[in-house]
C-alpha atoms as a PDB file:
ATOM      1  CA  MET A   1     -43.682 -10.648  -5.010  1.00  0.00           C
ATOM      2  CA  ASN A   2     -44.358 -13.410  -2.560  1.00  0.00           C
ATOM      3  CA  GLY A   3     -41.664 -12.040   0.268  1.00  0.00           C
ATOM      4  CA  TYR A   4     -39.425 -15.060  -0.308  1.00  0.00           C
ATOM      5  CA  VAL A   5     -35.718 -14.491  -1.459  1.00  0.00           C
ATOM      6  CA  SER A   6     -34.526 -16.842  -4.416  1.00  0.00           C
ATOM      7  CA  VAL A   7     -31.195 -18.341  -4.377  1.00  0.00           C
ATOM      8  CA  ASN A   8     -30.296 -16.242  -7.354  1.00  0.00           C
ATOM      9  CA  ASP A   9     -30.964 -13.139  -5.612  1.00  0.00           C
ATOM     10  CA  THR A  10     -28.807 -13.900  -2.615  1.00  0.00           C
ATOM     11  CA  ASN A  11     -26.017 -15.338  -4.973  1.00  0.00           C
ATOM     12  CA  ALA A  12     -26.082 -12.036  -6.984  1.00  0.00           C
ATOM     13  CA  SER A  13     -25.962  -9.969  -3.870  1.00  0.00           C
ATOM     14  CA  SER A  14     -23.050 -11.443  -2.338  1.00  0.00           C
ATOM     15  CA  ILE A  15     -21.127 -11.362  -5.898  1.00  0.00           C
ATOM     16  CA  MET A  16     -21.907  -7.519  -5.630  1.00  0.00           C
ATOM     17  CA  HIS A  17     -20.647  -7.375  -2.296  1.00  0.00           C
ATOM     18  CA  GLU A  18     -17.655  -8.901  -3.145  1.00  0.00           C
ATOM     19  CA  ARG A  19     -16.854  -6.958  -6.029  1.00  0.00           C
ATOM     20  CA  SER A  20     -17.607  -3.639  -4.309  1.00  0.00           C
ATOM     21  CA  ALA A  21     -15.097  -4.950  -1.635  1.00  0.00           C
ATOM     22  CA  LEU A  22     -12.617  -5.886  -4.134  1.00  0.00           C
ATOM     23  CA  ASN A  23     -12.948  -2.365  -5.734  1.00  0.00           C
ATOM     24  CA  ARG A  24     -12.669  -0.588  -2.534  1.00  0.00           C
ATOM     25  CA  PHE A  25      -9.440  -2.650  -1.631  1.00  0.00           C
ATOM     26  CA  LEU A  26      -7.783  -1.973  -5.193  1.00  0.00           C
ATOM     27  CA  GLY A  27      -9.299   1.877  -5.382  1.00  0.00           C
ATOM     28  CA  GLY A  28     -11.069   1.008  -8.497  1.00  0.00           C
ATOM     29  CA  SER A  29     -12.128  -1.846 -10.946  1.00  0.00           C
ATOM     30  CA  PRO A  30      -9.703  -4.605 -11.064  1.00  0.00           C
ATOM     31  CA  LEU A  31      -9.012  -3.877 -14.781  1.00  0.00           C
ATOM     32  CA  ALA A  32      -8.484  -0.235 -14.388  1.00  0.00           C
ATOM     33  CA  VAL A  33      -6.012  -0.499 -11.566  1.00  0.00           C
ATOM     34  CA  LEU A  34      -4.044  -3.197 -14.002  1.00  0.00           C
ATOM     35  CA  VAL A  35      -3.749  -0.806 -16.472  1.00  0.00           C
ATOM     36  CA  ARG A  36      -2.682   2.060 -14.087  1.00  0.00           C
ATOM     37  CA  LEU A  37       0.093  -0.372 -12.804  1.00  0.00           C
ATOM     38  CA  ALA A  38       1.161  -1.671 -16.136  1.00  0.00           C
ATOM     39  CA  LEU A  39       1.717   2.304 -17.473  1.00  0.00           C
ATOM     40  CA  ILE A  40       3.237   3.222 -14.102  1.00  0.00           C
ATOM     41  CA  SER A  41       5.755   0.107 -14.288  1.00  0.00           C
ATOM     42  CA  LEU A  42       6.519   1.195 -17.942  1.00  0.00           C
ATOM     43  CA  LEU A  43       7.517   4.823 -16.588  1.00  0.00           C
ATOM     44  CA  VAL A  44       9.435   3.349 -13.548  1.00  0.00           C
ATOM     45  CA  GLY A  45      11.163   0.940 -15.930  1.00  0.00           C
ATOM     46  CA  GLY A  46      12.112   3.377 -18.433  1.00  0.00           C
ATOM     47  CA  LEU A  47      13.371   5.622 -15.586  1.00  0.00           C
ATOM     48  CA  MET A  48      15.680   2.931 -13.934  1.00  0.00           C
ATOM     49  CA  ALA A  49      16.898   1.838 -17.422  1.00  0.00           C
ATOM     50  CA  VAL A  50      17.821   5.937 -18.210  1.00  0.00           C
ATOM     51  CA  MET A  51      19.448   6.066 -14.717  1.00  0.00           C
ATOM     52  CA  GLY A  52      21.326   2.673 -15.564  1.00  0.00           C
ATOM     53  CA  TRP A  53      19.804   0.745 -12.704  1.00  0.00           C
ATOM     54  CA  GLN A  54      19.059  -2.687 -12.600  1.00  0.00           C
ATOM     55  CA  PRO A  55      16.325  -4.333 -10.355  1.00  0.00           C
ATOM     56  CA  VAL A  56      19.215  -6.407  -8.708  1.00  0.00           C
ATOM     57  CA  ASP A  57      20.768  -3.347  -7.728  1.00  0.00           C
ATOM     58  CA  ILE A  58      17.688  -2.482  -5.518  1.00  0.00           C
ATOM     59  CA  ILE A  59      18.076  -5.802  -3.712  1.00  0.00           C
ATOM     60  CA  TYR A  60      21.714  -5.313  -3.172  1.00  0.00           C
ATOM     61  CA  GLY A  61      21.210  -1.568  -1.992  1.00  0.00           C
ATOM     62  CA  ALA A  62      18.735  -3.150   0.829  1.00  0.00           C
ATOM     63  CA  ALA A  63      21.284  -5.701   1.613  1.00  0.00           C
ATOM     64  CA  ASP A  64      23.978  -3.206   2.101  1.00  0.00           C
ATOM     65  CA  PHE A  65      21.888  -1.049   4.185  1.00  0.00           C
ATOM     66  CA  ALA A  66      20.774  -3.967   6.360  1.00  0.00           C
ATOM     67  CA  ARG A  67      24.540  -5.021   6.624  1.00  0.00           C
ATOM     68  CA  GLY A  68      25.422  -1.458   7.687  1.00  0.00           C
ATOM     69  CA  ILE A  69      22.860  -1.089  10.283  1.00  0.00           C
ATOM     70  CA  TRP A  70      24.107  -4.332  11.642  1.00  0.00           C
ATOM     71  CA  ASN A  71      27.588  -3.289  11.571  1.00  0.00           C
ATOM     72  CA  LEU A  72      26.961  -0.337  13.497  1.00  0.00           C
ATOM     73  CA  GLY A  73      25.640  -2.145  16.235  1.00  0.00           C
ATOM     74  CA  PHE A  74      23.622  -1.124  19.201  1.00  0.00           C
ATOM     75  CA  GLY A  75      24.244   2.461  18.414  1.00  0.00           C
ATOM     76  CA  ALA A  76      22.150   1.891  15.287  1.00  0.00           C
ATOM     77  CA  VAL A  77      19.303   0.492  17.548  1.00  0.00           C
ATOM     78  CA  GLU A  78      19.263   3.481  19.689  1.00  0.00           C
ATOM     79  CA  ALA A  79      19.399   5.632  16.348  1.00  0.00           C
ATOM     80  CA  LEU A  80      16.450   3.891  14.582  1.00  0.00           C
ATOM     81  CA  GLY A  81      14.430   4.092  17.852  1.00  0.00           C
ATOM     82  CA  GLN A  82      15.068   7.924  18.173  1.00  0.00           C
ATOM     83  CA  TYR A  83      13.943   8.161  14.297  1.00  0.00           C
ATOM     84  CA  PHE A  84      11.081   5.888  14.984  1.00  0.00           C
ATOM     85  CA  LEU A  85       9.675   8.195  17.777  1.00  0.00           C
ATOM     86  CA  LEU A  86      10.641  11.252  16.088  1.00  0.00           C
ATOM     87  CA  GLY A  87       8.392  10.053  13.051  1.00  0.00           C
ATOM     88  CA  ALA A  88       5.769   8.966  15.337  1.00  0.00           C
ATOM     89  CA  VAL A  89       5.229  12.450  16.926  1.00  0.00           C
ATOM     90  CA  VAL A  90       4.218  13.481  13.187  1.00  0.00           C
ATOM     91  CA  VAL A  91       2.721  10.435  11.790  1.00  0.00           C
ATOM     92  CA  VAL A  92       0.052   9.535  14.682  1.00  0.00           C
ATOM     93  CA  PRO A  93      -1.344  12.869  15.218  1.00  0.00           C
ATOM     94  CA  VAL A  94      -1.907  13.757  11.272  1.00  0.00           C
ATOM     95  CA  PHE A  95      -3.211   9.757  10.881  1.00  0.00           C
ATOM     96  CA  LEU A  96      -5.811  10.307  13.764  1.00  0.00           C
ATOM     97  CA  ILE A  97      -6.849  13.850  12.412  1.00  0.00           C
ATOM     98  CA  MET A  98      -7.192  12.424   8.983  1.00  0.00           C
ATOM     99  CA  ARG A  99      -9.328   9.412  10.398  1.00  0.00           C
ATOM    100  CA  LEU A 100     -11.575  11.954  12.417  1.00  0.00           C
ATOM    101  CA  LEU A 101     -12.179  13.894   9.336  1.00  0.00           C
ATOM    102  CA  SER A 102     -12.962  11.127   7.048  1.00  0.00           C
ATOM    103  CA  THR A 103     -15.379   9.718   9.708  1.00  0.00           C
ATOM    104  CA  GLY A 104     -17.328  12.871   9.377  1.00  0.00           C
ATOM    105  CA  ARG A 105     -17.806  12.482   5.627  1.00  0.00           C
ATOM    106  CA  ARG A 106     -19.395   9.207   5.843  1.00  0.00           C
END
């Protein structure tokens, strides 16, 4: 131990930091997240097949929704603004409380 940090130690440290950041972002190891997503995709795909839904139905549904909002005109903009404010009255305080409680755990 001469007090110097070797290049290998620095690279290993940065790789470990990158992996931990990736794990935090994904909520687990990449392989575990991939397996979970694959299982959930199979479950949702099977449910959609039983219901007779196709992926294109979702796209058409979103397009029809957007078209309906557009056809409603400015009344729809006002209604969306009211929905936004109504939701924000609940969501923002809950978000702030959750952040304050999670800060205390760190």
